[in-house]
Amino acid sequence: MANICAICGKKSQMVWKLKKLRGKYNPTVKKRKYPNLQWVRLPSGDRRDKSLLPPSLRSGKRVKACTKCIKAMGKRK
């Protein structure tokens, strides 16, 4: 569970790495891409948007969250 966002559940995915060979793209290698996860402390206290988070994440604990969720949490303040 180290590479999964605790808020939205975003995780790694497999993608094809395209390499150009003689003017055409050759799908050669599969590569795993990871989300941009950062440690963040969840907001605590009585707030109206508290219900948007899952019940296990409502305290002020530290979790790994993707940058898209961190940006959305900043807009809810």
N, C-alpha and C. Protein backbone atom coordinates (compact mmCIF):
# COMPACT_ATOMS: atom_id res chain seq x y z
N MET A 1 0.82 -1.19 0.00
CA MET A 1 0.00 0.00 0.00
C MET A 1 0.86 1.26 0.00
N ALA A 2 2.14 1.11 -0.26
CA ALA A 2 3.03 2.25 -0.22
C ALA A 2 2.82 3.19 -1.40
N ASN A 3 2.43 2.65 -2.56
CA ASN A 3 2.30 3.48 -3.75
C ASN A 3 0.85 3.68 -4.15
N ILE A 4 -0.02 3.88 -3.17
CA ILE A 4 -1.44 4.13 -3.44
C ILE A 4 -1.86 5.38 -2.68
N CYS A 5 -2.58 6.27 -3.35
CA CYS A 5 -3.09 7.47 -2.70
C CYS A 5 -4.15 7.07 -1.67
N ALA A 6 -4.04 7.58 -0.45
CA ALA A 6 -4.97 7.21 0.61
C ALA A 6 -6.35 7.85 0.42
N ILE A 7 -6.45 8.90 -0.37
CA ILE A 7 -7.73 9.61 -0.52
C ILE A 7 -8.50 9.10 -1.74
N CYS A 8 -7.87 9.10 -2.90
CA CYS A 8 -8.60 8.71 -4.12
C CYS A 8 -8.30 7.30 -4.59
N GLY A 9 -7.24 6.67 -4.09
CA GLY A 9 -6.92 5.30 -4.48
C GLY A 9 -6.12 5.19 -5.76
N LYS A 10 -5.54 6.28 -6.22
CA LYS A 10 -4.72 6.25 -7.45
C LYS A 10 -3.49 5.39 -7.20
N LYS A 11 -3.15 4.52 -8.18
CA LYS A 11 -1.99 3.65 -8.03
C LYS A 11 -1.22 3.60 -9.34
N SER A 12 -0.19 2.78 -9.38
CA SER A 12 0.67 2.72 -10.57
C SER A 12 -0.07 2.05 -11.72
N GLN A 13 0.44 2.29 -12.95
CA GLN A 13 -0.15 1.68 -14.13
C GLN A 13 0.94 1.37 -15.14
N MET A 14 0.68 0.38 -15.99
CA MET A 14 1.63 -0.01 -17.02
C MET A 14 1.36 0.80 -18.29
N VAL A 15 2.43 1.30 -18.90
CA VAL A 15 2.30 2.06 -20.15
C VAL A 15 3.35 1.53 -21.13
N TRP A 16 3.07 1.71 -22.42
CA TRP A 16 4.03 1.36 -23.45
C TRP A 16 4.98 2.53 -23.67
N LYS A 17 6.25 2.25 -23.76
CA LYS A 17 7.23 3.26 -24.10
C LYS A 17 7.46 3.17 -25.60
N LEU A 18 7.11 4.22 -26.33
CA LEU A 18 7.23 4.21 -27.78
C LEU A 18 8.62 4.68 -28.20
N LYS A 19 9.21 3.94 -29.12
CA LYS A 19 10.52 4.29 -29.63
C LYS A 19 10.41 4.44 -31.14
N LYS A 20 10.93 5.55 -31.66
CA LYS A 20 10.85 5.79 -33.10
C LYS A 20 11.97 5.02 -33.81
N LEU A 21 11.56 4.23 -34.80
CA LEU A 21 12.52 3.41 -35.53
C LEU A 21 12.22 3.52 -37.02
N ARG A 22 13.10 4.15 -37.77
CA ARG A 22 12.97 4.33 -39.22
C ARG A 22 11.67 5.04 -39.59
N GLY A 23 11.33 6.09 -38.88
CA GLY A 23 10.16 6.89 -39.20
C GLY A 23 8.86 6.37 -38.64
N LYS A 24 8.86 5.19 -37.99
CA LYS A 24 7.63 4.63 -37.41
C LYS A 24 7.86 4.35 -35.94
N TYR A 25 6.80 4.42 -35.18
CA TYR A 25 6.90 4.16 -33.75
C TYR A 25 6.80 2.66 -33.49
N ASN A 26 7.71 2.17 -32.69
CA ASN A 26 7.78 0.76 -32.37
C ASN A 26 7.51 0.59 -30.88
N PRO A 27 6.36 0.03 -30.49
CA PRO A 27 6.11 -0.17 -29.06
C PRO A 27 6.98 -1.28 -28.52
N THR A 28 8.07 -0.92 -27.85
CA THR A 28 9.06 -1.91 -27.48
C THR A 28 8.99 -2.34 -26.02
N VAL A 29 8.91 -1.41 -25.11
CA VAL A 29 9.08 -1.75 -23.70
C VAL A 29 7.86 -1.32 -22.91
N LYS A 30 7.40 -2.19 -22.04
CA LYS A 30 6.38 -1.80 -21.08
C LYS A 30 7.07 -1.20 -19.87
N LYS A 31 6.53 -0.11 -19.36
CA LYS A 31 7.14 0.58 -18.22
C LYS A 31 6.06 0.88 -17.20
N ARG A 32 6.38 0.79 -15.93
CA ARG A 32 5.41 1.10 -14.88
C ARG A 32 5.57 2.55 -14.48
N LYS A 33 4.47 3.31 -14.53
CA LYS A 33 4.48 4.72 -14.12
C LYS A 33 3.80 4.84 -12.77
N TYR A 34 4.42 5.60 -11.88
CA TYR A 34 3.92 5.76 -10.53
C TYR A 34 3.31 7.15 -10.35
N PRO A 35 2.28 7.27 -9.51
CA PRO A 35 1.71 8.60 -9.25
C PRO A 35 2.65 9.42 -8.37
N ASN A 36 2.47 10.73 -8.42
CA ASN A 36 3.29 11.64 -7.62
C ASN A 36 2.68 11.73 -6.23
N LEU A 37 3.16 10.89 -5.33
CA LEU A 37 2.63 10.83 -3.96
C LEU A 37 3.54 11.61 -3.01
N GLN A 38 2.92 12.35 -2.12
CA GLN A 38 3.63 13.15 -1.13
C GLN A 38 3.02 12.89 0.24
N TRP A 39 3.85 13.00 1.27
CA TRP A 39 3.33 12.91 2.63
C TRP A 39 2.59 14.20 2.96
N VAL A 40 1.39 14.08 3.52
CA VAL A 40 0.61 15.26 3.87
C VAL A 40 -0.16 14.95 5.16
N ARG A 41 -0.32 15.97 5.98
CA ARG A 41 -1.11 15.82 7.20
C ARG A 41 -2.53 16.26 6.89
N LEU A 42 -3.48 15.39 7.16
CA LEU A 42 -4.87 15.69 6.85
C LEU A 42 -5.41 16.74 7.81
N PRO A 43 -6.30 17.60 7.35
CA PRO A 43 -6.87 18.62 8.23
C PRO A 43 -7.72 17.99 9.31
N SER A 44 -7.65 18.56 10.50
CA SER A 44 -8.46 18.05 11.61
C SER A 44 -9.32 19.18 12.15
N GLY A 45 -10.25 18.83 12.98
CA GLY A 45 -11.14 19.82 13.57
C GLY A 45 -12.53 19.76 12.96
N ASP A 46 -13.43 20.61 13.44
CA ASP A 46 -14.79 20.64 12.94
C ASP A 46 -14.86 21.51 11.70
N ARG A 47 -15.11 20.88 10.57
CA ARG A 47 -15.24 21.60 9.31
C ARG A 47 -16.41 21.01 8.53
N ARG A 48 -16.98 21.80 7.65
CA ARG A 48 -18.13 21.32 6.87
C ARG A 48 -17.73 20.26 5.85
N ASP A 49 -16.53 20.41 5.25
CA ASP A 49 -16.12 19.47 4.21
C ASP A 49 -15.50 18.21 4.78
N LYS A 50 -15.65 17.99 6.08
CA LYS A 50 -15.10 16.82 6.74
C LYS A 50 -15.72 15.54 6.21
N SER A 51 -16.96 15.61 5.76
CA SER A 51 -17.65 14.42 5.29
C SER A 51 -17.14 13.94 3.93
N LEU A 52 -16.33 14.74 3.22
CA LEU A 52 -15.82 14.32 1.92
C LEU A 52 -14.74 13.25 2.05
N LEU A 53 -14.06 13.19 3.20
CA LEU A 53 -13.03 12.19 3.41
C LEU A 53 -13.63 10.91 3.98
N PRO A 54 -13.02 9.76 3.71
CA PRO A 54 -13.50 8.52 4.32
C PRO A 54 -13.40 8.58 5.84
N PRO A 55 -14.21 7.81 6.57
CA PRO A 55 -14.20 7.89 8.04
C PRO A 55 -12.85 7.56 8.66
N SER A 56 -12.07 6.68 8.04
CA SER A 56 -10.77 6.32 8.61
C SER A 56 -9.73 7.42 8.45
N LEU A 57 -10.01 8.43 7.62
CA LEU A 57 -9.03 9.49 7.36
C LEU A 57 -9.45 10.84 7.93
N ARG A 58 -10.39 10.88 8.84
CA ARG A 58 -10.89 12.17 9.33
C ARG A 58 -10.05 12.78 10.44
N SER A 59 -9.17 12.02 11.06
CA SER A 59 -8.34 12.62 12.10
C SER A 59 -7.19 13.38 11.44
N GLY A 60 -6.29 13.93 12.23
CA GLY A 60 -5.20 14.71 11.67
C GLY A 60 -3.96 13.89 11.41
N LYS A 61 -4.09 12.68 10.85
CA LYS A 61 -2.91 11.84 10.67
C LYS A 61 -2.21 12.09 9.35
N ARG A 62 -1.00 11.55 9.25
CA ARG A 62 -0.15 11.71 8.07
C ARG A 62 -0.39 10.57 7.11
N VAL A 63 -0.66 10.87 5.85
CA VAL A 63 -0.89 9.84 4.83
C VAL A 63 -0.18 10.25 3.55
N LYS A 64 -0.04 9.30 2.64
CA LYS A 64 0.48 9.61 1.32
C LYS A 64 -0.69 9.92 0.41
N ALA A 65 -0.64 11.09 -0.22
CA ALA A 65 -1.72 11.52 -1.11
C ALA A 65 -1.12 12.01 -2.41
N CYS A 66 -1.86 11.84 -3.51
CA CYS A 66 -1.38 12.33 -4.80
C CYS A 66 -1.51 13.86 -4.83
N THR A 67 -0.75 14.47 -5.71
CA THR A 67 -0.71 15.93 -5.75
C THR A 67 -2.04 16.53 -6.18
N LYS A 68 -2.83 15.78 -6.95
CA LYS A 68 -4.14 16.28 -7.35
C LYS A 68 -5.07 16.40 -6.14
N CYS A 69 -4.99 15.43 -5.22
CA CYS A 69 -5.81 15.49 -4.01
C CYS A 69 -5.33 16.58 -3.07
N ILE A 70 -3.99 16.78 -2.99
CA ILE A 70 -3.45 17.84 -2.14
C ILE A 70 -3.91 19.20 -2.64
N LYS A 71 -3.91 19.38 -3.96
CA LYS A 71 -4.36 20.63 -4.54
C LYS A 71 -5.83 20.85 -4.25
N ALA A 72 -6.66 19.80 -4.33
CA ALA A 72 -8.09 19.91 -4.06
C ALA A 72 -8.35 20.22 -2.58
N MET A 73 -7.54 19.65 -1.68
CA MET A 73 -7.69 19.94 -0.25
C MET A 73 -7.37 21.40 0.04
N GLY A 74 -6.42 21.98 -0.67
CA GLY A 74 -6.07 23.39 -0.49
C GLY A 74 -7.18 24.32 -0.93
N LYS A 75 -7.95 23.92 -1.91
CA LYS A 75 -9.05 24.75 -2.40
C LYS A 75 -10.26 24.70 -1.48
N ARG A 76 -10.37 23.65 -0.65
CA ARG A 76 -11.52 23.52 0.25
C ARG A 76 -11.39 24.35 1.51
N LYS A 77 -10.20 24.92 1.75
CA LYS A 77 -9.98 25.68 3.00
C LYS A 77 -10.84 26.92 3.06
